[in-house]
């Protein structure tokens, strides 16, 4: 069982945040920890970052802002891991089809 710290106790309180879709949802520190670990952060680092972020989360804060705070802390731990954490955002930036990226790569390979 994880050790409860002053920071993680605050995260247990229901703090509504605004998702990218505009929908409100309670901040879930577990989701943040999971996403940090999927990007390659060890569990102890992911928990530490999530605790630091959770004390800064405010009512109706945009999840994009939470992501940026977490990414900044993660990049201090490991630049490469921080970049992997940004990969999902980069893929979404390609557009709904990814077709512009395919055209770009085709031009590079054609050269």
PDB file of N, CA and C in Angstrom:
ATOM      1  N   UNK A   1       0.854  -1.185   0.000  1.00  0.00           N
ATOM      2  CA  UNK A   1       0.000   0.000   0.000  1.00  0.00           C
ATOM      3  C   UNK A   1       0.893   1.239   0.000  1.00  0.00           C
ATOM      4  N   UNK A   2       0.592   2.241  -0.817  1.00  0.00           N
ATOM      5  CA  UNK A   2       1.441   3.429  -0.876  1.00  0.00           C
ATOM      6  C   UNK A   2       1.382   4.231   0.411  1.00  0.00           C
ATOM      7  N   UNK A   3       2.472   4.894   0.696  1.00  0.00           N
ATOM      8  CA  UNK A   3       2.545   5.775   1.855  1.00  0.00           C
ATOM      9  C   UNK A   3       1.834   7.068   1.508  1.00  0.00           C
ATOM     10  N   UNK A   4       0.912   7.490   2.366  1.00  0.00           N
ATOM     11  CA  UNK A   4       0.156   8.713   2.126  1.00  0.00           C
ATOM     12  C   UNK A   4       0.972   9.905   2.624  1.00  0.00           C
ATOM     13  N   UNK A   5       1.194  10.841   1.760  1.00  0.00           N
ATOM     14  CA  UNK A   5       1.894  12.062   2.126  1.00  0.00           C
ATOM     15  C   UNK A   5       0.909  13.211   2.152  1.00  0.00           C
ATOM     16  N   UNK A   6       1.338  14.340   2.635  1.00  0.00           N
ATOM     17  CA  UNK A   6       0.500  15.541   2.657  1.00  0.00           C
ATOM     18  C   UNK A   6       0.009  15.839   1.245  1.00  0.00           C
ATOM     19  N   UNK A   7       0.871  15.663   0.275  1.00  0.00           N
ATOM     20  CA  UNK A   7       0.506  15.949  -1.117  1.00  0.00           C
ATOM     21  C   UNK A   7      -0.521  14.968  -1.653  1.00  0.00           C
ATOM     22  N   UNK A   8      -0.341  13.666  -1.374  1.00  0.00           N
ATOM     23  CA  UNK A   8      -1.268  12.696  -1.931  1.00  0.00           C
ATOM     24  C   UNK A   8      -2.624  12.745  -1.241  1.00  0.00           C
ATOM     25  N   UNK A   9      -2.691  13.224   0.007  1.00  0.00           N
ATOM     26  CA  UNK A   9      -3.974  13.376   0.683  1.00  0.00           C
ATOM     27  C   UNK A   9      -4.812  14.424  -0.034  1.00  0.00           C
ATOM     28  N   UNK A  10      -4.195  15.521  -0.461  1.00  0.00           N
ATOM     29  CA  UNK A  10      -4.935  16.547  -1.185  1.00  0.00           C
ATOM     30  C   UNK A  10      -5.515  15.980  -2.466  1.00  0.00           C
ATOM     31  N   UNK A  11      -4.769  15.104  -3.114  1.00  0.00           N
ATOM     32  CA  UNK A  11      -5.233  14.565  -4.390  1.00  0.00           C
ATOM     33  C   UNK A  11      -6.447  13.659  -4.219  1.00  0.00           C
ATOM     34  N   UNK A  12      -6.718  13.188  -2.985  1.00  0.00           N
ATOM     35  CA  UNK A  12      -7.874  12.351  -2.752  1.00  0.00           C
ATOM     36  C   UNK A  12      -9.161  13.168  -2.737  1.00  0.00           C
ATOM     37  N   UNK A  13      -9.043  14.468  -2.507  1.00  0.00           N
ATOM     38  CA  UNK A  13     -10.223  15.309  -2.526  1.00  0.00           C
ATOM     39  C   UNK A  13     -10.703  15.448  -3.958  1.00  0.00           C
ATOM     40  N   UNK A  14     -12.014  15.562  -4.123  1.00  0.00           N
ATOM     41  CA  UNK A  14     -12.587  15.675  -5.466  1.00  0.00           C
ATOM     42  C   UNK A  14     -12.337  17.067  -6.024  1.00  0.00           C
ATOM     43  N   UNK A  15     -11.447  17.142  -7.006  1.00  0.00           N
ATOM     44  CA  UNK A  15     -11.137  18.403  -7.666  1.00  0.00           C
ATOM     45  C   UNK A  15     -11.553  18.257  -9.125  1.00  0.00           C
ATOM     46  N   UNK A  16     -12.595  18.976  -9.542  1.00  0.00           N
ATOM     47  CA  UNK A  16     -13.003  18.865 -10.944  1.00  0.00           C
ATOM     48  C   UNK A  16     -12.026  19.589 -11.869  1.00  0.00           C
ATOM     49  N   UNK A  17     -11.691  18.933 -12.972  1.00  0.00           N
ATOM     50  CA  UNK A  17     -10.820  19.526 -13.987  1.00  0.00           C
ATOM     51  C   UNK A  17     -11.568  19.489 -15.324  1.00  0.00           C
ATOM     52  N   UNK A  18     -11.144  20.333 -16.249  1.00  0.00           N
ATOM     53  CA  UNK A  18     -11.790  20.420 -17.555  1.00  0.00           C
ATOM     54  C   UNK A  18     -10.973  19.649 -18.585  1.00  0.00           C
ATOM     55  N   UNK A  19     -11.595  18.635 -19.176  1.00  0.00           N
ATOM     56  CA  UNK A  19     -10.928  17.842 -20.204  1.00  0.00           C
ATOM     57  C   UNK A  19     -10.892  18.624 -21.514  1.00  0.00           C
ATOM     58  N   UNK A  20     -10.113  18.169 -22.466  1.00  0.00           N
ATOM     59  CA  UNK A  20      -9.990  18.845 -23.760  1.00  0.00           C
ATOM     60  C   UNK A  20     -11.330  18.944 -24.475  1.00  0.00           C
ATOM     61  N   UNK A  21     -12.203  18.001 -24.208  1.00  0.00           N
ATOM     62  CA  UNK A  21     -13.532  18.003 -24.834  1.00  0.00           C
ATOM     63  C   UNK A  21     -14.456  19.048 -24.211  1.00  0.00           C
ATOM     64  N   UNK A  22     -14.022  19.633 -23.083  1.00  0.00           N
ATOM     65  CA  UNK A  22     -14.857  20.597 -22.374  1.00  0.00           C
ATOM     66  C   UNK A  22     -15.636  19.962 -21.235  1.00  0.00           C
ATOM     67  N   UNK A  23     -15.622  18.662 -21.186  1.00  0.00           N
ATOM     68  CA  UNK A  23     -16.322  17.930 -20.131  1.00  0.00           C
ATOM     69  C   UNK A  23     -15.560  18.030 -18.813  1.00  0.00           C
ATOM     70  N   UNK A  24     -16.295  18.118 -17.721  1.00  0.00           N
ATOM     71  CA  UNK A  24     -15.676  18.162 -16.398  1.00  0.00           C
ATOM     72  C   UNK A  24     -15.523  16.736 -15.868  1.00  0.00           C
ATOM     73  N   UNK A  25     -14.402  16.505 -15.188  1.00  0.00           N
ATOM     74  CA  UNK A  25     -14.131  15.196 -14.606  1.00  0.00           C
ATOM     75  C   UNK A  25     -13.292  15.415 -13.360  1.00  0.00           C
ATOM     76  N   UNK A  26     -13.417  14.535 -12.372  1.00  0.00           N
ATOM     77  CA  UNK A  26     -12.598  14.653 -11.173  1.00  0.00           C
ATOM     78  C   UNK A  26     -11.143  14.322 -11.517  1.00  0.00           C
ATOM     79  N   UNK A  27     -10.213  15.103 -10.946  1.00  0.00           N
ATOM     80  CA  UNK A  27      -8.793  14.825 -11.140  1.00  0.00           C
ATOM     81  C   UNK A  27      -8.500  13.454 -10.563  1.00  0.00           C
ATOM     82  N   UNK A  28      -7.803  12.626 -11.331  1.00  0.00           N
ATOM     83  CA  UNK A  28      -7.471  11.265 -10.916  1.00  0.00           C
ATOM     84  C   UNK A  28      -5.958  11.108 -10.959  1.00  0.00           C
ATOM     85  N   UNK A  29      -5.349  11.103  -9.783  1.00  0.00           N
ATOM     86  CA  UNK A  29      -3.890  11.003  -9.711  1.00  0.00           C
ATOM     87  C   UNK A  29      -3.412   9.673 -10.292  1.00  0.00           C
ATOM     88  N   UNK A  30      -4.230   8.635 -10.192  1.00  0.00           N
ATOM     89  CA  UNK A  30      -3.867   7.330 -10.742  1.00  0.00           C
ATOM     90  C   UNK A  30      -3.689   7.373 -12.250  1.00  0.00           C
ATOM     91  N   UNK A  31      -4.556   8.120 -12.940  1.00  0.00           N
ATOM     92  CA  UNK A  31      -4.424   8.264 -14.396  1.00  0.00           C
ATOM     93  C   UNK A  31      -3.120   8.965 -14.753  1.00  0.00           C
ATOM     94  N   UNK A  32      -2.770   9.976 -13.973  1.00  0.00           N
ATOM     95  CA  UNK A  32      -1.526  10.705 -14.227  1.00  0.00           C
ATOM     96  C   UNK A  32      -0.321   9.800 -14.015  1.00  0.00           C
ATOM     97  N   UNK A  33      -0.330   9.041 -12.927  1.00  0.00           N
ATOM     98  CA  UNK A  33       0.775   8.114 -12.652  1.00  0.00           C
ATOM     99  C   UNK A  33       0.893   7.088 -13.774  1.00  0.00           C
ATOM    100  N   UNK A  34      -0.239   6.522 -14.190  1.00  0.00           N
ATOM    101  CA  UNK A  34      -0.219   5.524 -15.272  1.00  0.00           C
ATOM    102  C   UNK A  34       0.354   6.100 -16.561  1.00  0.00           C
ATOM    103  N   UNK A  35      -0.059   7.315 -16.916  1.00  0.00           N
ATOM    104  CA  UNK A  35       0.428   7.896 -18.169  1.00  0.00           C
ATOM    105  C   UNK A  35       1.920   8.190 -18.097  1.00  0.00           C
ATOM    106  N   UNK A  36       2.395   8.615 -16.941  1.00  0.00           N
ATOM    107  CA  UNK A  36       3.828   8.863 -16.778  1.00  0.00           C
ATOM    108  C   UNK A  36       4.613   7.560 -16.889  1.00  0.00           C
ATOM    109  N   UNK A  37       4.076   6.493 -16.295  1.00  0.00           N
ATOM    110  CA  UNK A  37       4.765   5.200 -16.357  1.00  0.00           C
ATOM    111  C   UNK A  37       4.735   4.623 -17.774  1.00  0.00           C
ATOM    112  N   UNK A  38       3.643   4.843 -18.516  1.00  0.00           N
ATOM    113  CA  UNK A  38       3.591   4.354 -19.901  1.00  0.00           C
ATOM    114  C   UNK A  38       4.636   5.044 -20.775  1.00  0.00           C
ATOM    115  N   UNK A  39       5.022   6.257 -20.391  1.00  0.00           N
ATOM    116  CA  UNK A  39       6.041   6.957 -21.173  1.00  0.00           C
ATOM    117  C   UNK A  39       7.454   6.519 -20.786  1.00  0.00           C
ATOM    118  N   UNK A  40       7.555   5.674 -19.759  1.00  0.00           N
ATOM    119  CA  UNK A  40       8.865   5.141 -19.391  1.00  0.00           C
ATOM    120  C   UNK A  40       9.388   5.569 -18.037  1.00  0.00           C
ATOM    121  N   UNK A  41       8.645   6.377 -17.290  1.00  0.00           N
ATOM    122  CA  UNK A  41       9.104   6.809 -15.974  1.00  0.00           C
ATOM    123  C   UNK A  41       8.947   5.665 -14.974  1.00  0.00           C
ATOM    124  N   UNK A  42       9.950   5.449 -14.119  1.00  0.00           N
ATOM    125  CA  UNK A  42       9.793   4.449 -13.061  1.00  0.00           C
ATOM    126  C   UNK A  42       8.658   4.862 -12.112  1.00  0.00           C
ATOM    127  N   UNK A  43       8.069   3.885 -11.455  1.00  0.00           N
ATOM    128  CA  UNK A  43       6.909   4.156 -10.599  1.00  0.00           C
ATOM    129  C   UNK A  43       7.195   5.203  -9.526  1.00  0.00           C
ATOM    130  N   UNK A  44       8.359   5.133  -8.884  1.00  0.00           N
ATOM    131  CA  UNK A  44       8.647   6.105  -7.819  1.00  0.00           C
ATOM    132  C   UNK A  44       8.746   7.531  -8.360  1.00  0.00           C
ATOM    133  N   UNK A  45       9.333   7.685  -9.533  1.00  0.00           N
ATOM    134  CA  UNK A  45       9.427   9.005 -10.163  1.00  0.00           C
ATOM    135  C   UNK A  45       8.036   9.479 -10.584  1.00  0.00           C
ATOM    136  N   UNK A  46       7.253   8.576 -11.173  1.00  0.00           N
ATOM    137  CA  UNK A  46       5.894   8.923 -11.606  1.00  0.00           C
ATOM    138  C   UNK A  46       5.052   9.377 -10.422  1.00  0.00           C
ATOM    139  N   UNK A  47       5.146   8.681  -9.300  1.00  0.00           N
ATOM    140  CA  UNK A  47       4.383   9.061  -8.102  1.00  0.00           C
ATOM    141  C   UNK A  47       4.852  10.413  -7.558  1.00  0.00           C
ATOM    142  N   UNK A  48       6.155  10.633  -7.567  1.00  0.00           N
ATOM    143  CA  UNK A  48       6.698  11.904  -7.074  1.00  0.00           C
ATOM    144  C   UNK A  48       6.201  13.066  -7.943  1.00  0.00           C
ATOM    145  N   UNK A  49       6.270  12.900  -9.248  1.00  0.00           N
ATOM    146  CA  UNK A  49       5.798  13.944 -10.177  1.00  0.00           C
ATOM    147  C   UNK A  49       4.300  14.170  -9.981  1.00  0.00           C
ATOM    148  N   UNK A  50       3.530  13.087  -9.871  1.00  0.00           N
ATOM    149  CA  UNK A  50       2.078  13.209  -9.703  1.00  0.00           C
ATOM    150  C   UNK A  50       1.740  13.938  -8.401  1.00  0.00           C
ATOM    151  N   UNK A  51       2.483  13.658  -7.337  1.00  0.00           N
ATOM    152  CA  UNK A  51       2.258  14.368  -6.066  1.00  0.00           C
ATOM    153  C   UNK A  51       2.530  15.859  -6.217  1.00  0.00           C
ATOM    154  N   UNK A  52       3.629  16.191  -6.909  1.00  0.00           N
ATOM    155  CA  UNK A  52       3.968  17.604  -7.105  1.00  0.00           C
ATOM    156  C   UNK A  52       2.930  18.318  -7.957  1.00  0.00           C
ATOM    157  N   UNK A  53       2.427  17.638  -8.969  1.00  0.00           N
ATOM    158  CA  UNK A  53       1.408  18.230  -9.843  1.00  0.00           C
ATOM    159  C   UNK A  53       0.085  18.362  -9.095  1.00  0.00           C
ATOM    160  N   UNK A  54      -0.280  17.343  -8.325  1.00  0.00           N
ATOM    161  CA  UNK A  54      -1.591  17.320  -7.675  1.00  0.00           C
ATOM    162  C   UNK A  54      -1.790  18.485  -6.705  1.00  0.00           C
ATOM    163  N   UNK A  55      -0.726  18.950  -6.062  1.00  0.00           N
ATOM    164  CA  UNK A  55      -0.894  20.076  -5.129  1.00  0.00           C
ATOM    165  C   UNK A  55      -1.111  21.392  -5.875  1.00  0.00           C
ATOM    166  N   UNK A  56      -0.830  21.397  -7.166  1.00  0.00           N
ATOM    167  CA  UNK A  56      -1.017  22.610  -7.968  1.00  0.00           C
ATOM    168  C   UNK A  56      -2.332  22.615  -8.752  1.00  0.00           C
ATOM    169  N   UNK A  57      -3.032  21.475  -8.755  1.00  0.00           N
ATOM    170  CA  UNK A  57      -4.291  21.377  -9.487  1.00  0.00           C
ATOM    171  C   UNK A  57      -5.353  22.212  -8.784  1.00  0.00           C
ATOM    172  N   UNK A  58      -6.044  23.025  -9.564  1.00  0.00           N
ATOM    173  CA  UNK A  58      -7.110  23.866  -9.023  1.00  0.00           C
ATOM    174  C   UNK A  58      -8.438  23.534  -9.692  1.00  0.00           C
ATOM    175  N   UNK A  59      -9.503  23.982  -9.086  1.00  0.00           N
ATOM    176  CA  UNK A  59     -10.850  23.758  -9.585  1.00  0.00           C
ATOM    177  C   UNK A  59     -10.964  24.231 -11.042  1.00  0.00           C
ATOM    178  N   UNK A  60     -11.472  23.374 -11.908  1.00  0.00           N
ATOM    179  CA  UNK A  60     -11.704  23.643 -13.330  1.00  0.00           C
ATOM    180  C   UNK A  60     -10.442  23.822 -14.156  1.00  0.00           C
ATOM    181  N   UNK A  61      -9.276  23.469 -13.631  1.00  0.00           N
ATOM    182  CA  UNK A  61      -8.035  23.574 -14.400  1.00  0.00           C
ATOM    183  C   UNK A  61      -8.137  22.692 -15.636  1.00  0.00           C
ATOM    184  N   UNK A  62      -7.604  23.146 -16.739  1.00  0.00           N
ATOM    185  CA  UNK A  62      -7.608  22.408 -17.989  1.00  0.00           C
ATOM    186  C   UNK A  62      -6.594  21.268 -17.913  1.00  0.00           C
ATOM    187  N   UNK A  63      -6.972  20.094 -18.408  1.00  0.00           N
ATOM    188  CA  UNK A  63      -6.056  18.954 -18.369  1.00  0.00           C
ATOM    189  C   UNK A  63      -4.803  19.209 -19.205  1.00  0.00           C
ATOM    190  N   UNK A  64      -4.899  20.084 -20.197  1.00  0.00           N
ATOM    191  CA  UNK A  64      -3.723  20.441 -20.990  1.00  0.00           C
ATOM    192  C   UNK A  64      -2.667  21.106 -20.098  1.00  0.00           C
ATOM    193  N   UNK A  65      -3.108  21.932 -19.155  1.00  0.00           N
ATOM    194  CA  UNK A  65      -2.182  22.590 -18.231  1.00  0.00           C
ATOM    195  C   UNK A  65      -1.549  21.555 -17.286  1.00  0.00           C
ATOM    196  N   UNK A  66      -2.350  20.604 -16.840  1.00  0.00           N
ATOM    197  CA  UNK A  66      -1.836  19.535 -15.973  1.00  0.00           C
ATOM    198  C   UNK A  66      -0.779  18.739 -16.736  1.00  0.00           C
ATOM    199  N   UNK A  67      -1.055  18.429 -18.002  1.00  0.00           N
ATOM    200  CA  UNK A  67      -0.110  17.710 -18.850  1.00  0.00           C
ATOM    201  C   UNK A  67       1.214  18.478 -18.954  1.00  0.00           C
ATOM    202  N   UNK A  68       1.120  19.786 -19.179  1.00  0.00           N
ATOM    203  CA  UNK A  68       2.338  20.595 -19.319  1.00  0.00           C
ATOM    204  C   UNK A  68       3.162  20.602 -18.033  1.00  0.00           C
ATOM    205  N   UNK A  69       2.490  20.705 -16.890  1.00  0.00           N
ATOM    206  CA  UNK A  69       3.223  20.678 -15.617  1.00  0.00           C
ATOM    207  C   UNK A  69       3.939  19.343 -15.439  1.00  0.00           C
ATOM    208  N   UNK A  70       3.229  18.242 -15.735  1.00  0.00           N
ATOM    209  CA  UNK A  70       3.814  16.914 -15.586  1.00  0.00           C
ATOM    210  C   UNK A  70       4.983  16.726 -16.550  1.00  0.00           C
ATOM    211  N   UNK A  71       4.804  17.179 -17.798  1.00  0.00           N
ATOM    212  CA  UNK A  71       5.869  17.030 -18.795  1.00  0.00           C
ATOM    213  C   UNK A  71       7.121  17.796 -18.384  1.00  0.00           C
ATOM    214  N   UNK A  72       6.937  18.993 -17.861  1.00  0.00           N
ATOM    215  CA  UNK A  72       8.084  19.802 -17.433  1.00  0.00           C
ATOM    216  C   UNK A  72       8.872  19.088 -16.337  1.00  0.00           C
ATOM    217  N   UNK A  73       8.169  18.528 -15.361  1.00  0.00           N
ATOM    218  CA  UNK A  73       8.842  17.803 -14.285  1.00  0.00           C
ATOM    219  C   UNK A  73       9.483  16.517 -14.804  1.00  0.00           C
ATOM    220  N   UNK A  74       8.805  15.835 -15.707  1.00  0.00           N
ATOM    221  CA  UNK A  74       9.338  14.591 -16.258  1.00  0.00           C
ATOM    222  C   UNK A  74      10.601  14.850 -17.068  1.00  0.00           C
ATOM    223  N   UNK A  75      10.620  15.932 -17.821  1.00  0.00           N
ATOM    224  CA  UNK A  75      11.810  16.253 -18.616  1.00  0.00           C
ATOM    225  C   UNK A  75      13.009  16.584 -17.735  1.00  0.00           C
ATOM    226  N   UNK A  76      12.765  17.068 -16.509  1.00  0.00           N
ATOM    227  CA  UNK A  76      13.869  17.301 -15.577  1.00  0.00           C
ATOM    228  C   UNK A  76      14.469  15.968 -15.133  1.00  0.00           C
ATOM    229  N   UNK A  77      13.622  14.943 -15.051  1.00  0.00           N
ATOM    230  CA  UNK A  77      14.100  13.608 -14.691  1.00  0.00           C
ATOM    231  C   UNK A  77      14.835  12.984 -15.872  1.00  0.00           C
ATOM    232  N   UNK A  78      14.193  12.994 -17.042  1.00  0.00           N
ATOM    233  CA  UNK A  78      14.781  12.383 -18.225  1.00  0.00           C
ATOM    234  C   UNK A  78      14.214  13.056 -19.460  1.00  0.00           C
ATOM    235  N   UNK A  79      15.073  13.680 -20.224  1.00  0.00           N
ATOM    236  CA  UNK A  79      14.627  14.393 -21.426  1.00  0.00           C
ATOM    237  C   UNK A  79      13.934  13.442 -22.404  1.00  0.00           C
ATOM    238  N   UNK A  80      14.517  12.253 -22.591  1.00  0.00           N
ATOM    239  CA  UNK A  80      13.945  11.284 -23.535  1.00  0.00           C
ATOM    240  C   UNK A  80      12.561  10.830 -23.081  1.00  0.00           C
ATOM    241  N   UNK A  81      12.400  10.567 -21.808  1.00  0.00           N
ATOM    242  CA  UNK A  81      11.096  10.141 -21.291  1.00  0.00           C
ATOM    243  C   UNK A  81      10.084  11.266 -21.440  1.00  0.00           C
ATOM    244  N   UNK A  82      10.524  12.492 -21.211  1.00  0.00           N
ATOM    245  CA  UNK A  82       9.648  13.646 -21.386  1.00  0.00           C
ATOM    246  C   UNK A  82       9.184  13.789 -22.822  1.00  0.00           C
ATOM    247  N   UNK A  83      10.063  13.464 -23.754  1.00  0.00           N
ATOM    248  CA  UNK A  83       9.695  13.531 -25.166  1.00  0.00           C
ATOM    249  C   UNK A  83       8.691  12.433 -25.517  1.00  0.00           C
ATOM    250  N   UNK A  84       8.889  11.238 -24.954  1.00  0.00           N
ATOM    251  CA  UNK A  84       7.913  10.164 -25.203  1.00  0.00           C
ATOM    252  C   UNK A  84       6.548  10.545 -24.649  1.00  0.00           C
ATOM    253  N   UNK A  85       6.543  11.281 -23.530  1.00  0.00           N
ATOM    254  CA  UNK A  85       5.281  11.722 -22.933  1.00  0.00           C
ATOM    255  C   UNK A  85       4.555  12.670 -23.880  1.00  0.00           C
ATOM    256  N   UNK A  86       5.300  13.362 -24.726  1.00  0.00           N
ATOM    257  CA  UNK A  86       4.715  14.304 -25.685  1.00  0.00           C
ATOM    258  C   UNK A  86       4.299  13.634 -26.990  1.00  0.00           C
ATOM    259  N   UNK A  87       4.633  12.394 -27.179  1.00  0.00           N
ATOM    260  CA  UNK A  87       4.388  11.722 -28.446  1.00  0.00           C
ATOM    261  C   UNK A  87       2.911  11.696 -28.828  1.00  0.00           C
ATOM    262  N   UNK A  88       2.025  11.440 -27.867  1.00  0.00           N
ATOM    263  CA  UNK A  88       0.593  11.406 -28.164  1.00  0.00           C
ATOM    264  C   UNK A  88       0.125  12.751 -28.705  1.00  0.00           C
ATOM    265  N   UNK A  89       0.591  13.822 -28.091  1.00  0.00           N
ATOM    266  CA  UNK A  89       0.213  15.159 -28.543  1.00  0.00           C
ATOM    267  C   UNK A  89       0.727  15.396 -29.964  1.00  0.00           C
ATOM    268  N   UNK A  90       1.938  14.945 -30.240  1.00  0.00           N
ATOM    269  CA  UNK A  90       2.513  15.130 -31.568  1.00  0.00           C
ATOM    270  C   UNK A  90       1.727  14.357 -32.623  1.00  0.00           C
ATOM    271  N   UNK A  91       1.278  13.170 -32.282  1.00  0.00           N
ATOM    272  CA  UNK A  91       0.494  12.370 -33.228  1.00  0.00           C
ATOM    273  C   UNK A  91      -0.831  13.054 -33.522  1.00  0.00           C
ATOM    274  N   UNK A  92      -1.485  13.596 -32.482  1.00  0.00           N
ATOM    275  CA  UNK A  92      -2.741  14.320 -32.691  1.00  0.00           C
ATOM    276  C   UNK A  92      -2.537  15.557 -33.563  1.00  0.00           C
ATOM    277  N   UNK A  93      -1.379  16.162 -33.471  1.00  0.00           N
ATOM    278  CA  UNK A  93      -1.104  17.367 -34.259  1.00  0.00           C
ATOM    279  C   UNK A  93      -1.017  17.057 -35.755  1.00  0.00           C
ATOM    280  N   UNK A  94      -0.826  15.796 -36.101  1.00  0.00           N
ATOM    281  CA  UNK A  94      -0.751  15.411 -37.506  1.00  0.00           C
ATOM    282  C   UNK A  94      -2.102  15.527 -38.203  1.00  0.00           C
ATOM    283  N   UNK A  95      -3.137  15.614 -37.430  1.00  0.00           N
ATOM    284  CA  UNK A  95      -4.474  15.708 -38.019  1.00  0.00           C
ATOM    285  C   UNK A  95      -5.208  14.400 -37.882  1.00  0.00           C
ATOM    286  N   UNK A  96      -6.473  14.399 -38.199  1.00  0.00           N
ATOM    287  CA  UNK A  96      -7.292  13.201 -37.994  1.00  0.00           C
ATOM    288  C   UNK A  96      -6.886  12.021 -38.873  1.00  0.00           C
ATOM    289  N   UNK A  97      -6.282  12.278 -40.009  1.00  0.00           N
ATOM    290  CA  UNK A  97      -5.945  11.178 -40.918  1.00  0.00           C
ATOM    291  C   UNK A  97      -4.476  10.806 -40.882  1.00  0.00           C
ATOM    292  N   UNK A  98      -3.632  11.734 -40.507  1.00  0.00           N
ATOM    293  CA  UNK A  98      -2.200  11.490 -40.584  1.00  0.00           C
ATOM    294  C   UNK A  98      -1.676  11.617 -42.000  1.00  0.00           C
ATOM    295  N   UNK A  99      -2.569  11.874 -42.954  1.00  0.00           N
ATOM    296  CA  UNK A  99      -2.193  11.952 -44.363  1.00  0.00           C
ATOM    297  C   UNK A  99      -1.134  13.003 -44.654  1.00  0.00           C
ATOM    298  N   UNK A 100      -1.210  14.216 -44.070  1.00  0.00           N
ATOM    299  CA  UNK A 100      -0.152  15.199 -44.341  1.00  0.00           C
ATOM    300  C   UNK A 100       1.237  14.673 -43.964  1.00  0.00           C
ATOM    301  N   UNK A 101       1.313  13.895 -42.894  1.00  0.00           N
ATOM    302  CA  UNK A 101       2.596  13.324 -42.484  1.00  0.00           C
ATOM    303  C   UNK A 101       3.073  12.303 -43.507  1.00  0.00           C
ATOM    304  N   UNK A 102       2.154  11.487 -43.995  1.00  0.00           N
ATOM    305  CA  UNK A 102       2.509  10.497 -45.005  1.00  0.00           C
ATOM    306  C   UNK A 102       3.066  11.176 -46.257  1.00  0.00           C
ATOM    307  N   UNK A 103       2.447  12.271 -46.677  1.00  0.00           N
ATOM    308  CA  UNK A 103       2.930  13.002 -47.840  1.00  0.00           C
ATOM    309  C   UNK A 103       4.333  13.572 -47.579  1.00  0.00           C
ATOM    310  N   UNK A 104       4.556  14.064 -46.386  1.00  0.00           N
ATOM    311  CA  UNK A 104       5.857  14.624 -46.008  1.00  0.00           C
ATOM    312  C   UNK A 104       6.944  13.547 -46.079  1.00  0.00           C
ATOM    313  N   UNK A 105       6.664  12.393 -45.496  1.00  0.00           N
ATOM    314  CA  UNK A 105       7.648  11.291 -45.514  1.00  0.00           C
ATOM    315  C   UNK A 105       7.878  10.821 -46.947  1.00  0.00           C
ATOM    316  N   UNK A 106       6.829  10.763 -47.750  1.00  0.00           N
ATOM    317  CA  UNK A 106       6.975  10.339 -49.154  1.00  0.00           C
ATOM    318  C   UNK A 106       7.901  11.277 -49.904  1.00  0.00           C
ATOM    319  N   UNK A 107       7.771  12.582 -49.660  1.00  0.00           N
ATOM    320  CA  UNK A 107       8.654  13.546 -50.320  1.00  0.00           C
ATOM    321  C   UNK A 107      10.110  13.366 -49.906  1.00  0.00           C
ATOM    322  N   UNK A 108      10.309  13.090 -48.633  1.00  0.00           N
ATOM    323  CA  UNK A 108      11.679  12.870 -48.136  1.00  0.00           C
ATOM    324  C   UNK A 108      12.272  11.636 -48.798  1.00  0.00           C
ATOM    325  N   UNK A 109      11.506  10.553 -48.858  1.00  0.00           N
ATOM    326  CA  UNK A 109      12.001   9.322 -49.449  1.00  0.00           C
ATOM    327  C   UNK A 109      12.209   9.445 -50.961  1.00  0.00           C
ATOM    328  N   UNK A 110      11.418  10.272 -51.589  1.00  0.00           N
ATOM    329  CA  UNK A 110      11.530  10.471 -53.019  1.00  0.00           C
ATOM    330  C   UNK A 110      12.814  11.232 -53.390  1.00  0.00           C
ATOM    331  N   UNK A 111      13.250  12.092 -52.509  1.00  0.00           N
ATOM    332  CA  UNK A 111      14.437  12.927 -52.773  1.00  0.00           C
ATOM    333  C   UNK A 111      15.716  12.133 -52.841  1.00  0.00           C
TER     334      UNK A 111
END
